[in-house]
C-alpha atoms as a PDB file:
ATOM      1  CA  UNK A   1      90.857  43.121  63.816  1.00  0.00           C
ATOM      2  CA  UNK A   2      93.051  41.115  61.471  1.00  0.00           C
ATOM      3  CA  UNK A   3      96.450  39.787  62.414  1.00  0.00           C
ATOM      4  CA  UNK A   4      99.276  39.536  59.851  1.00  0.00           C
ATOM      5  CA  UNK A   5     100.605  36.037  59.226  1.00  0.00           C
ATOM      6  CA  UNK A   6     104.180  37.016  60.017  1.00  0.00           C
ATOM      7  CA  UNK A   7     106.376  39.929  61.000  1.00  0.00           C
ATOM      8  CA  UNK A   8     108.272  41.670  58.179  1.00  0.00           C
ATOM      9  CA  UNK A   9     111.630  41.729  59.989  1.00  0.00           C
ATOM     10  CA  UNK A  10     113.851  38.721  60.649  1.00  0.00           C
ATOM     11  CA  UNK A  11     113.957  35.053  59.757  1.00  0.00           C
ATOM     12  CA  UNK A  12     111.408  32.755  61.399  1.00  0.00           C
ATOM     13  CA  UNK A  13     112.994  30.763  64.176  1.00  0.00           C
ATOM     14  CA  UNK A  14     116.052  33.007  64.486  1.00  0.00           C
ATOM     15  CA  UNK A  15     116.418  35.780  67.090  1.00  0.00           C
ATOM     16  CA  UNK A  16     117.252  39.230  65.806  1.00  0.00           C
ATOM     17  CA  UNK A  17     120.822  40.378  65.481  1.00  0.00           C
ATOM     18  CA  UNK A  18     122.223  43.874  64.874  1.00  0.00           C
ATOM     19  CA  UNK A  19     120.974  43.986  61.262  1.00  0.00           C
ATOM     20  CA  UNK A  20     117.385  43.222  62.230  1.00  0.00           C
ATOM     21  CA  UNK A  21     117.510  45.714  65.082  1.00  0.00           C
ATOM     22  CA  UNK A  22     118.756  48.405  62.696  1.00  0.00           C
ATOM     23  CA  UNK A  23     115.968  47.539  60.261  1.00  0.00           C
ATOM     24  CA  UNK A  24     113.396  47.797  63.038  1.00  0.00           C
ATOM     25  CA  UNK A  25     114.771  51.141  64.220  1.00  0.00           C
ATOM     26  CA  UNK A  26     114.514  52.543  60.701  1.00  0.00           C
ATOM     27  CA  UNK A  27     110.766  51.903  60.781  1.00  0.00           C
ATOM     28  CA  UNK A  28     110.170  53.846  64.008  1.00  0.00           C
ATOM     29  CA  UNK A  29     108.846  57.285  63.105  1.00  0.00           C
ATOM     30  CA  UNK A  30     108.331  60.163  65.507  1.00  0.00           C
ATOM     31  CA  UNK A  31     104.576  60.754  65.664  1.00  0.00           C
ATOM     32  CA  UNK A  32     104.116  63.070  68.643  1.00  0.00           C
ATOM     33  CA  UNK A  33     106.100  65.337  70.912  1.00  0.00           C
ATOM     34  CA  UNK A  34     107.210  64.534  74.453  1.00  0.00           C
ATOM     35  CA  UNK A  35     108.090  68.215  74.873  1.00  0.00           C
ATOM     36  CA  UNK A  36     104.583  69.338  73.926  1.00  0.00           C
ATOM     37  CA  UNK A  37     102.566  66.540  75.508  1.00  0.00           C
ATOM     38  CA  UNK A  38     104.463  66.036  78.753  1.00  0.00           C
ATOM     39  CA  UNK A  39     107.171  68.602  79.469  1.00  0.00           C
ATOM     40  CA  UNK A  40     104.884  71.534  78.706  1.00  0.00           C
ATOM     41  CA  UNK A  41     102.235  70.185  81.087  1.00  0.00           C
ATOM     42  CA  UNK A  42     104.854  69.583  83.767  1.00  0.00           C
ATOM     43  CA  UNK A  43     105.931  73.187  83.284  1.00  0.00           C
ATOM     44  CA  UNK A  44     102.384  74.381  83.922  1.00  0.00           C
ATOM     45  CA  UNK A  45     102.176  72.217  87.047  1.00  0.00           C
ATOM     46  CA  UNK A  46     105.577  73.325  88.349  1.00  0.00           C
ATOM     47  CA  UNK A  47     104.251  76.267  90.432  1.00  0.00           C
ATOM     48  CA  UNK A  48     102.182  73.813  92.464  1.00  0.00           C
ATOM     49  CA  UNK A  49     104.538  70.836  92.652  1.00  0.00           C
ATOM     50  CA  UNK A  50     108.162  70.044  93.181  1.00  0.00           C
ATOM     51  CA  UNK A  51     109.599  68.810  89.881  1.00  0.00           C
ATOM     52  CA  UNK A  52     112.283  66.155  90.374  1.00  0.00           C
ATOM     53  CA  UNK A  53     114.671  65.496  87.466  1.00  0.00           C
ATOM     54  CA  UNK A  54     115.789  61.896  87.803  1.00  0.00           C
ATOM     55  CA  UNK A  55     118.001  61.430  84.762  1.00  0.00           C
ATOM     56  CA  UNK A  56     117.622  61.294  81.025  1.00  0.00           C
ATOM     57  CA  UNK A  57     117.563  58.803  78.199  1.00  0.00           C
ATOM     58  CA  UNK A  58     119.623  59.511  75.106  1.00  0.00           C
ATOM     59  CA  UNK A  59     119.274  57.626  71.846  1.00  0.00           C
ATOM     60  CA  UNK A  60     120.917  58.429  68.519  1.00  0.00           C
ATOM     61  CA  UNK A  61     121.459  62.071  69.400  1.00  0.00           C
ATOM     62  CA  UNK A  62     118.037  62.598  71.001  1.00  0.00           C
ATOM     63  CA  UNK A  63     117.912  63.502  74.685  1.00  0.00           C
ATOM     64  CA  UNK A  64     114.837  63.135  76.883  1.00  0.00           C
ATOM     65  CA  UNK A  65     114.812  64.475  80.452  1.00  0.00           C
ATOM     66  CA  UNK A  66     113.031  62.228  82.936  1.00  0.00           C
ATOM     67  CA  UNK A  67     110.848  64.083  85.429  1.00  0.00           C
ATOM     68  CA  UNK A  68     108.746  63.186  88.446  1.00  0.00           C
ATOM     69  CA  UNK A  69     106.529  65.418  90.560  1.00  0.00           C
ATOM     70  CA  UNK A  70     105.468  65.542  94.178  1.00  0.00           C
ATOM     71  CA  UNK A  71     103.458  68.042  96.247  1.00  0.00           C
ATOM     72  CA  UNK A  72     106.332  68.602  98.673  1.00  0.00           C
ATOM     73  CA  UNK A  73     108.918  66.974 100.878  1.00  0.00           C
ATOM     74  CA  UNK A  74     108.304  63.555 102.351  1.00  0.00           C
ATOM     75  CA  UNK A  75     106.389  63.768 105.637  1.00  0.00           C
ATOM     76  CA  UNK A  76     107.163  61.220 108.323  1.00  0.00           C
ATOM     77  CA  UNK A  77     104.257  59.062 109.357  1.00  0.00           C
ATOM     78  CA  UNK A  78     102.324  59.322 106.093  1.00  0.00           C
ATOM     79  CA  UNK A  79     102.019  56.426 103.633  1.00  0.00           C
ATOM     80  CA  UNK A  80     103.900  56.737 100.360  1.00  0.00           C
ATOM     81  CA  UNK A  81     102.064  56.314  97.058  1.00  0.00           C
ATOM     82  CA  UNK A  82     103.833  56.016  93.695  1.00  0.00           C
ATOM     83  CA  UNK A  83     101.947  56.628  90.446  1.00  0.00           C
ATOM     84  CA  UNK A  84     103.633  55.748  87.156  1.00  0.00           C
ATOM     85  CA  UNK A  85     102.517  56.226  83.557  1.00  0.00           C
ATOM     86  CA  UNK A  86     104.018  55.736  80.136  1.00  0.00           C
ATOM     87  CA  UNK A  87     106.180  52.743  80.984  1.00  0.00           C
ATOM     88  CA  UNK A  88     104.949  51.621  77.580  1.00  0.00           C
ATOM     89  CA  UNK A  89     105.076  54.658  75.326  1.00  0.00           C
ATOM     90  CA  UNK A  90     102.048  53.773  73.215  1.00  0.00           C
ATOM     91  CA  UNK A  91      99.673  53.568  76.187  1.00  0.00           C
ATOM     92  CA  UNK A  92      98.354  57.095  75.954  1.00  0.00           C
ATOM     93  CA  UNK A  93      95.779  57.392  78.728  1.00  0.00           C
ATOM     94  CA  UNK A  94      98.276  56.416  81.407  1.00  0.00           C
ATOM     95  CA  UNK A  95     100.404  59.492  80.747  1.00  0.00           C
ATOM     96  CA  UNK A  96      97.458  61.849  80.421  1.00  0.00           C
ATOM     97  CA  UNK A  97      95.769  60.226  83.418  1.00  0.00           C
ATOM     98  CA  UNK A  98      98.802  60.709  85.666  1.00  0.00           C
ATOM     99  CA  UNK A  99      99.091  64.363  84.662  1.00  0.00           C
ATOM    100  CA  UNK A 100      95.366  65.005  85.059  1.00  0.00           C
ATOM    101  CA  UNK A 101      95.368  63.397  88.480  1.00  0.00           C
ATOM    102  CA  UNK A 102      98.121  65.785  89.542  1.00  0.00           C
ATOM    103  CA  UNK A 103      96.316  68.785  88.130  1.00  0.00           C
ATOM    104  CA  UNK A 104      92.815  68.064  89.419  1.00  0.00           C
ATOM    105  CA  UNK A 105      93.050  65.773  92.443  1.00  0.00           C
ATOM    106  CA  UNK A 106      96.482  65.569  94.062  1.00  0.00           C
ATOM    107  CA  UNK A 107      95.780  68.551  96.318  1.00  0.00           C
ATOM    108  CA  UNK A 108      92.876  66.625  97.886  1.00  0.00           C
ATOM    109  CA  UNK A 109      95.372  64.304  99.564  1.00  0.00           C
ATOM    110  CA  UNK A 110      97.598  66.969 101.119  1.00  0.00           C
ATOM    111  CA  UNK A 111      98.676  65.880 104.574  1.00  0.00           C
ATOM    112  CA  UNK A 112      97.336  62.352 104.033  1.00  0.00           C
ATOM    113  CA  UNK A 113      99.895  60.669 101.754  1.00  0.00           C
ATOM    114  CA  UNK A 114     103.361  61.213 100.350  1.00  0.00           C
ATOM    115  CA  UNK A 115     102.743  61.321  96.606  1.00  0.00           C
ATOM    116  CA  UNK A 116     105.353  60.703  93.915  1.00  0.00           C
ATOM    117  CA  UNK A 117     104.261  60.699  90.263  1.00  0.00           C
ATOM    118  CA  UNK A 118     106.390  59.749  87.242  1.00  0.00           C
ATOM    119  CA  UNK A 119     104.005  60.522  84.372  1.00  0.00           C
ATOM    120  CA  UNK A 120     106.014  59.327  81.361  1.00  0.00           C
ATOM    121  CA  UNK A 121     108.693  56.731  82.042  1.00  0.00           C
ATOM    122  CA  UNK A 122     109.500  56.005  78.361  1.00  0.00           C
ATOM    123  CA  UNK A 123     109.647  59.253  76.368  1.00  0.00           C
ATOM    124  CA  UNK A 124     111.369  57.885  73.247  1.00  0.00           C
ATOM    125  CA  UNK A 125     108.636  55.258  72.961  1.00  0.00           C
ATOM    126  CA  UNK A 126     105.964  57.900  73.685  1.00  0.00           C
ATOM    127  CA  UNK A 127     107.015  59.808  70.585  1.00  0.00           C
ATOM    128  CA  UNK A 128     107.037  56.634  68.430  1.00  0.00           C
ATOM    129  CA  UNK A 129     103.811  55.265  69.972  1.00  0.00           C
ATOM    130  CA  UNK A 130     105.623  52.028  70.737  1.00  0.00           C
ATOM    131  CA  UNK A 131     105.942  49.472  73.500  1.00  0.00           C
ATOM    132  CA  UNK A 132     109.725  49.076  73.337  1.00  0.00           C
ATOM    133  CA  UNK A 133     112.619  51.472  73.739  1.00  0.00           C
ATOM    134  CA  UNK A 134     115.277  52.293  71.132  1.00  0.00           C
ATOM    135  CA  UNK A 135     116.988  48.942  71.741  1.00  0.00           C
ATOM    136  CA  UNK A 136     113.780  46.931  71.196  1.00  0.00           C
ATOM    137  CA  UNK A 137     113.670  46.247  74.949  1.00  0.00           C
ATOM    138  CA  UNK A 138     110.405  46.236  76.894  1.00  0.00           C
ATOM    139  CA  UNK A 139     110.850  48.531  79.931  1.00  0.00           C
ATOM    140  CA  UNK A 140     108.029  46.701  81.699  1.00  0.00           C
ATOM    141  CA  UNK A 141     110.053  43.503  81.765  1.00  0.00           C
ATOM    142  CA  UNK A 142     113.198  45.307  82.914  1.00  0.00           C
ATOM    143  CA  UNK A 143     112.670  46.296  86.556  1.00  0.00           C
ATOM    144  CA  UNK A 144     115.513  44.175  87.833  1.00  0.00           C
ATOM    145  CA  UNK A 145     119.217  44.612  88.549  1.00  0.00           C
ATOM    146  CA  UNK A 146     121.042  45.017  86.287  1.00  0.00           C
ATOM    147  CA  UNK A 147     118.340  46.459  84.060  1.00  0.00           C
ATOM    148  CA  UNK A 148     118.600  46.275  80.265  1.00  0.00           C
ATOM    149  CA  UNK A 149     116.444  49.420  79.942  1.00  0.00           C
ATOM    150  CA  UNK A 150     117.780  52.835  81.018  1.00  0.00           C
ATOM    151  CA  UNK A 151     114.204  54.040  81.530  1.00  0.00           C
ATOM    152  CA  UNK A 152     113.599  51.329  84.110  1.00  0.00           C
ATOM    153  CA  UNK A 153     116.993  51.772  85.744  1.00  0.00           C
ATOM    154  CA  UNK A 154     116.413  55.508  86.181  1.00  0.00           C
ATOM    155  CA  UNK A 155     113.028  54.965  87.830  1.00  0.00           C
ATOM    156  CA  UNK A 156     114.533  52.409  90.196  1.00  0.00           C
ATOM    157  CA  UNK A 157     117.175  54.943  91.210  1.00  0.00           C
ATOM    158  CA  UNK A 158     114.491  57.566  91.780  1.00  0.00           C
ATOM    159  CA  UNK A 159     112.475  55.487  94.242  1.00  0.00           C
ATOM    160  CA  UNK A 160     115.449  53.827  95.987  1.00  0.00           C
ATOM    161  CA  UNK A 161     115.654  56.356  98.875  1.00  0.00           C
ATOM    162  CA  UNK A 162     112.045  55.623  99.829  1.00  0.00           C
ATOM    163  CA  UNK A 163     111.999  51.837  99.492  1.00  0.00           C
ATOM    164  CA  UNK A 164     110.136  50.292 102.381  1.00  0.00           C
ATOM    165  CA  UNK A 165     108.060  53.445 102.854  1.00  0.00           C
ATOM    166  CA  UNK A 166     105.588  53.027 100.006  1.00  0.00           C
ATOM    167  CA  UNK A 167     102.140  51.726 100.888  1.00  0.00           C
ATOM    168  CA  UNK A 168     100.931  51.606  97.285  1.00  0.00           C
ATOM    169  CA  UNK A 169     102.012  51.783  93.659  1.00  0.00           C
ATOM    170  CA  UNK A 170      99.557  52.295  90.806  1.00  0.00           C
ATOM    171  CA  UNK A 171     101.062  51.672  87.351  1.00  0.00           C
ATOM    172  CA  UNK A 172      98.864  52.997  84.525  1.00  0.00           C
ATOM    173  CA  UNK A 173      98.674  50.948  81.311  1.00  0.00           C
ATOM    174  CA  UNK A 174      96.507  50.108  78.313  1.00  0.00           C
ATOM    175  CA  UNK A 175      95.825  46.937  76.364  1.00  0.00           C
ATOM    176  CA  UNK A 176      95.225  47.817  72.718  1.00  0.00           C
ATOM    177  CA  UNK A 177      94.404  46.032  69.482  1.00  0.00           C
ATOM    178  CA  UNK A 178      97.996  46.651  68.398  1.00  0.00           C
ATOM    179  CA  UNK A 179      99.152  44.324  71.174  1.00  0.00           C
ATOM    180  CA  UNK A 180      97.895  41.521  68.964  1.00  0.00           C
ATOM    181  CA  UNK A 181      98.409  43.010  65.501  1.00  0.00           C
ATOM    182  CA  UNK A 182     101.922  44.426  66.070  1.00  0.00           C
ATOM    183  CA  UNK A 183     103.642  43.976  69.403  1.00  0.00           C
ATOM    184  CA  UNK A 184     103.169  40.256  70.043  1.00  0.00           C
ATOM    185  CA  UNK A 185     104.177  39.549  66.462  1.00  0.00           C
ATOM    186  CA  UNK A 186     107.270  41.706  66.868  1.00  0.00           C
ATOM    187  CA  UNK A 187     108.133  39.997  70.159  1.00  0.00           C
ATOM    188  CA  UNK A 188     107.921  36.543  68.590  1.00  0.00           C
ATOM    189  CA  UNK A 189     110.067  37.679  65.656  1.00  0.00           C
ATOM    190  CA  UNK A 190     112.651  39.392  67.886  1.00  0.00           C
ATOM    191  CA  UNK A 191     113.075  36.280  70.014  1.00  0.00           C
ATOM    192  CA  UNK A 192     112.908  33.781  67.147  1.00  0.00           C
ATOM    193  CA  UNK A 193     109.817  32.096  68.555  1.00  0.00           C
ATOM    194  CA  UNK A 194     106.525  31.096  66.911  1.00  0.00           C
ATOM    195  CA  UNK A 195     103.686  33.587  67.175  1.00  0.00           C
ATOM    196  CA  UNK A 196     100.766  32.304  69.219  1.00  0.00           C
ATOM    197  CA  UNK A 197      97.554  34.249  68.529  1.00  0.00           C
ATOM    198  CA  UNK A 198      95.660  35.573  71.515  1.00  0.00           C
ATOM    199  CA  UNK A 199      92.698  37.837  72.196  1.00  0.00           C
ATOM    200  CA  UNK A 200      92.215  41.383  73.455  1.00  0.00           C
ATOM    201  CA  UNK A 201      89.757  41.929  76.331  1.00  0.00           C
ATOM    202  CA  UNK A 202      87.000  44.463  75.679  1.00  0.00           C
ATOM    203  CA  UNK A 203      87.154  46.652  78.748  1.00  0.00           C
ATOM    204  CA  UNK A 204      89.129  47.727  81.769  1.00  0.00           C
ATOM    205  CA  UNK A 205      90.938  45.198  83.962  1.00  0.00           C
ATOM    206  CA  UNK A 206      93.600  45.085  86.682  1.00  0.00           C
ATOM    207  CA  UNK A 207      96.718  43.017  87.299  1.00  0.00           C
ATOM    208  CA  UNK A 208      97.225  41.983  90.922  1.00  0.00           C
ATOM    209  CA  UNK A 209     100.380  40.327  92.300  1.00  0.00           C
ATOM    210  CA  UNK A 210     100.454  36.528  92.438  1.00  0.00           C
ATOM    211  CA  UNK A 211     102.885  36.644  95.374  1.00  0.00           C
ATOM    212  CA  UNK A 212     101.002  39.348  97.296  1.00  0.00           C
ATOM    213  CA  UNK A 213      97.330  39.317  96.333  1.00  0.00           C
ATOM    214  CA  UNK A 214      95.212  42.173  97.637  1.00  0.00           C
ATOM    215  CA  UNK A 215      91.647  41.450  96.492  1.00  0.00           C
ATOM    216  CA  UNK A 216      89.927  44.179  98.519  1.00  0.00           C
ATOM    217  CA  UNK A 217      92.283  46.815  97.094  1.00  0.00           C
ATOM    218  CA  UNK A 218      91.649  45.647  93.544  1.00  0.00           C
ATOM    219  CA  UNK A 219      87.898  45.546  94.124  1.00  0.00           C
ATOM    220  CA  UNK A 220      87.868  49.136  95.365  1.00  0.00           C
ATOM    221  CA  UNK A 221      89.488  50.237  92.108  1.00  0.00           C
ATOM    222  CA  UNK A 222      87.180  48.126  89.940  1.00  0.00           C
ATOM    223  CA  UNK A 223      84.142  49.587  91.693  1.00  0.00           C
ATOM    224  CA  UNK A 224      85.350  53.143  91.025  1.00  0.00           C
ATOM    225  CA  UNK A 225      86.297  52.571  87.401  1.00  0.00           C
ATOM    226  CA  UNK A 226      83.002  50.807  86.640  1.00  0.00           C
ATOM    227  CA  UNK A 227      81.344  54.211  87.088  1.00  0.00           C
ATOM    228  CA  UNK A 228      83.487  55.555  84.245  1.00  0.00           C
ATOM    229  CA  UNK A 229      83.862  52.749  81.716  1.00  0.00           C
ATOM    230  CA  UNK A 230      83.006  49.078  81.371  1.00  0.00           C
ATOM    231  CA  UNK A 231      84.954  46.261  83.012  1.00  0.00           C
ATOM    232  CA  UNK A 232      86.363  43.519  80.789  1.00  0.00           C
ATOM    233  CA  UNK A 233      84.490  40.212  80.987  1.00  0.00           C
ATOM    234  CA  UNK A 234      86.314  36.902  81.079  1.00  0.00           C
ATOM    235  CA  UNK A 235      86.352  34.846  77.902  1.00  0.00           C
ATOM    236  CA  UNK A 236      84.737  31.431  77.436  1.00  0.00           C
ATOM    237  CA  UNK A 237      87.644  29.813  79.310  1.00  0.00           C
ATOM    238  CA  UNK A 238      87.240  32.103  82.300  1.00  0.00           C
ATOM    239  CA  UNK A 239      90.383  34.046  81.356  1.00  0.00           C
ATOM    240  CA  UNK A 240      91.392  37.606  80.615  1.00  0.00           C
ATOM    241  CA  UNK A 241      94.337  37.953  78.231  1.00  0.00           C
ATOM    242  CA  UNK A 242      95.245  34.311  78.749  1.00  0.00           C
ATOM    243  CA  UNK A 243      95.199  34.424  82.576  1.00  0.00           C
ATOM    244  CA  UNK A 244      92.516  33.045  84.905  1.00  0.00           C
ATOM    245  CA  UNK A 245      90.127  35.703  86.143  1.00  0.00           C
ATOM    246  CA  UNK A 246      90.343  35.717  89.962  1.00  0.00           C
ATOM    247  CA  UNK A 247      87.582  38.317  90.429  1.00  0.00           C
ATOM    248  CA  UNK A 248      85.564  40.411  87.972  1.00  0.00           C
ATOM    249  CA  UNK A 249      88.127  42.349  85.944  1.00  0.00           C
ATOM    250  CA  UNK A 250      91.146  41.081  87.878  1.00  0.00           C
ATOM    251  CA  UNK A 251      94.008  38.757  86.946  1.00  0.00           C
ATOM    252  CA  UNK A 252      97.327  38.060  88.681  1.00  0.00           C
ATOM    253  CA  UNK A 253     100.914  38.066  87.427  1.00  0.00           C
ATOM    254  CA  UNK A 254     104.157  37.288  89.284  1.00  0.00           C
ATOM    255  CA  UNK A 255     105.218  40.924  89.244  1.00  0.00           C
ATOM    256  CA  UNK A 256     108.757  40.626  90.584  1.00  0.00           C
ATOM    257  CA  UNK A 257     109.655  37.479  88.674  1.00  0.00           C
ATOM    258  CA  UNK A 258     108.618  39.149  85.418  1.00  0.00           C
ATOM    259  CA  UNK A 259     110.417  42.417  86.180  1.00  0.00           C
ATOM    260  CA  UNK A 260     107.231  44.458  86.020  1.00  0.00           C
ATOM    261  CA  UNK A 261     107.097  48.091  87.080  1.00  0.00           C
ATOM    262  CA  UNK A 262     104.483  47.474  89.768  1.00  0.00           C
ATOM    263  CA  UNK A 263     107.013  45.342  91.672  1.00  0.00           C
ATOM    264  CA  UNK A 264     109.650  48.009  92.074  1.00  0.00           C
ATOM    265  CA  UNK A 265     108.630  49.522  95.441  1.00  0.00           C
ATOM    266  CA  UNK A 266     107.742  46.345  97.316  1.00  0.00           C
ATOM    267  CA  UNK A 267     104.574  48.134  98.448  1.00  0.00           C
ATOM    268  CA  UNK A 268     101.787  46.151 100.065  1.00  0.00           C
ATOM    269  CA  UNK A 269      99.176  47.484  97.660  1.00  0.00           C
ATOM    270  CA  UNK A 270     100.076  47.332  93.981  1.00  0.00           C
ATOM    271  CA  UNK A 271      98.127  47.230  90.777  1.00  0.00           C
ATOM    272  CA  UNK A 272      98.587  47.628  87.050  1.00  0.00           C
ATOM    273  CA  UNK A 273      95.625  49.229  85.318  1.00  0.00           C
ATOM    274  CA  UNK A 274      94.708  48.129  81.804  1.00  0.00           C
ATOM    275  CA  UNK A 275      92.379  50.390  79.834  1.00  0.00           C
ATOM    276  CA  UNK A 276      91.055  49.281  76.416  1.00  0.00           C
ATOM    277  CA  UNK A 277      90.988  52.399  74.219  1.00  0.00           C
ATOM    278  CA  UNK A 278      89.945  50.592  71.022  1.00  0.00           C
ATOM    279  CA  UNK A 279      86.545  49.539  72.308  1.00  0.00           C
ATOM    280  CA  UNK A 280      83.511  51.036  70.513  1.00  0.00           C
ATOM    281  CA  UNK A 281      82.008  51.369  73.983  1.00  0.00           C
ATOM    282  CA  UNK A 282      84.456  53.982  75.268  1.00  0.00           C
ATOM    283  CA  UNK A 283      86.208  57.205  74.264  1.00  0.00           C
ATOM    284  CA  UNK A 284      89.714  58.629  74.770  1.00  0.00           C
ATOM    285  CA  UNK A 285      88.291  60.943  77.432  1.00  0.00           C
ATOM    286  CA  UNK A 286      86.725  58.047  79.345  1.00  0.00           C
ATOM    287  CA  UNK A 287      90.022  56.163  79.188  1.00  0.00           C
ATOM    288  CA  UNK A 288      91.836  59.078  80.829  1.00  0.00           C
ATOM    289  CA  UNK A 289      89.133  59.448  83.460  1.00  0.00           C
ATOM    290  CA  UNK A 290      89.262  55.711  84.146  1.00  0.00           C
ATOM    291  CA  UNK A 291      92.954  56.062  84.981  1.00  0.00           C
ATOM    292  CA  UNK A 292      92.241  59.033  87.238  1.00  0.00           C
ATOM    293  CA  UNK A 293      89.426  57.143  88.965  1.00  0.00           C
ATOM    294  CA  UNK A 294      91.761  54.199  89.540  1.00  0.00           C
ATOM    295  CA  UNK A 295      94.409  56.400  91.168  1.00  0.00           C
ATOM    296  CA  UNK A 296      91.881  58.185  93.374  1.00  0.00           C
ATOM    297  CA  UNK A 297      90.292  54.907  94.469  1.00  0.00           C
ATOM    298  CA  UNK A 298      93.678  53.355  95.235  1.00  0.00           C
ATOM    299  CA  UNK A 299      94.750  56.295  97.376  1.00  0.00           C
ATOM    300  CA  UNK A 300      91.355  56.444  99.062  1.00  0.00           C
ATOM    301  CA  UNK A 301      91.737  52.795 100.019  1.00  0.00           C
ATOM    302  CA  UNK A 302      95.224  53.365 101.408  1.00  0.00           C
ATOM    303  CA  UNK A 303      94.208  56.298 103.583  1.00  0.00           C
ATOM    304  CA  UNK A 304      91.454  54.254 105.187  1.00  0.00           C
ATOM    305  CA  UNK A 305      88.623  54.406 102.706  1.00  0.00           C
ATOM    306  CA  UNK A 306      88.322  58.111 103.334  1.00  0.00           C
ATOM    307  CA  UNK A 307      86.503  60.500 100.981  1.00  0.00           C
ATOM    308  CA  UNK A 308      87.541  60.081  97.371  1.00  0.00           C
ATOM    309  CA  UNK A 309      87.240  63.058  94.978  1.00  0.00           C
ATOM    310  CA  UNK A 310      84.473  62.787  92.444  1.00  0.00           C
ATOM    311  CA  UNK A 311      85.714  61.985  88.948  1.00  0.00           C
ATOM    312  CA  UNK A 312      83.725  62.966  85.877  1.00  0.00           C
ATOM    313  CA  UNK A 313      82.110  59.855  84.452  1.00  0.00           C
ATOM    314  CA  UNK A 314      80.891  60.900  81.012  1.00  0.00           C
ATOM    315  CA  UNK A 315      78.590  58.536  79.139  1.00  0.00           C
ATOM    316  CA  UNK A 316      79.211  54.824  79.546  1.00  0.00           C
ATOM    317  CA  UNK A 317      78.630  52.949  76.301  1.00  0.00           C
ATOM    318  CA  UNK A 318      76.281  49.985  76.139  1.00  0.00           C
END
C-alpha cells in the first residue's frame, strides 16, 4: 500500500473552509444503493421483526430513512443488547453482518434478551463508501450533546428511552487500507494538521473501554472470531493501530471522551469490532461472518455463557 504525500484539497496548515468543503463534496460519488442494500433487506425481514423508523437524514435533496429492528416489545427483566452497523459508511461487513445476524440468529435469543439493531447508521456515507457524512463530519466522534452529526443525534434519540437498561452494545466496524491512504490524510487536511503516517493491522481486533474495561467479555468475542478469521497481531512496539495491546487482539479507547458510538448506552459490556477486509488471508464472506460471530459471542456472554448459535467458519487463510 502506498500513501500519497499530501491531500489534494486545502492548503497545508490551514483548516478547511466552505470552499474546501464544497470541493470535497464534489468528489463524493454515489457508488452503491442504500435502498437496494439495506432497505430492501429490512423489507424482507419486516414480517419477522418490528421495524422502527427513528428519523431521516437529508442532504442536498437526498432523503434517507433511518431504521432499526427488534424482535418485539421490550420485556421487563431481560438484558438489553444494542447492535449497530454502518456508523462509518465505508465499513461494509458491519452493515451486512448486522442484517445477517437478524436474519439467521436473532430468533435464537427470543425470551433471553431485548434486542435492538440499527444496521446502517450513516446511509449517505454508505452510498459514497466514505467515513464522513455530507458535512465532512465523522459520526463516530459525534456521540455527544449537542452532536454535530444528525446520524449520531438520531441514534441517541432512538436509544434514549432505554438508557440504563442495556447490558451490552456491539458496534460493528472495519479498519481498511483506505484508513491510511485516504481518510487519515483527509482528516489532517480538513483540520489543517500535519499527516502522521501509521500502519494498518492485518486481522480482526476489538476496542474495549479505557474507563470500563471488560477483559473477559472481549476475550469471549476474540475466541469466537478466531474460528472465522485471523486475529491481528501487535506490531514491534506491542501496539495495534498505535495503541498498546492489552490482550491478544484487544486495545482500549476512552469511548465517552472521544464521542464514540459504543459509549452511547452506558452499558456494562461494550465493544467495537474491527475487521480487516483488505487482508489476503480473508474474504468478504469471512468478514461478514466474523461480525456475526462477534455479535453471537457477545450476547452469549451476556446471557450467562449460554449456548451460542454455530456460525459458518469458511476457510481461514494461512
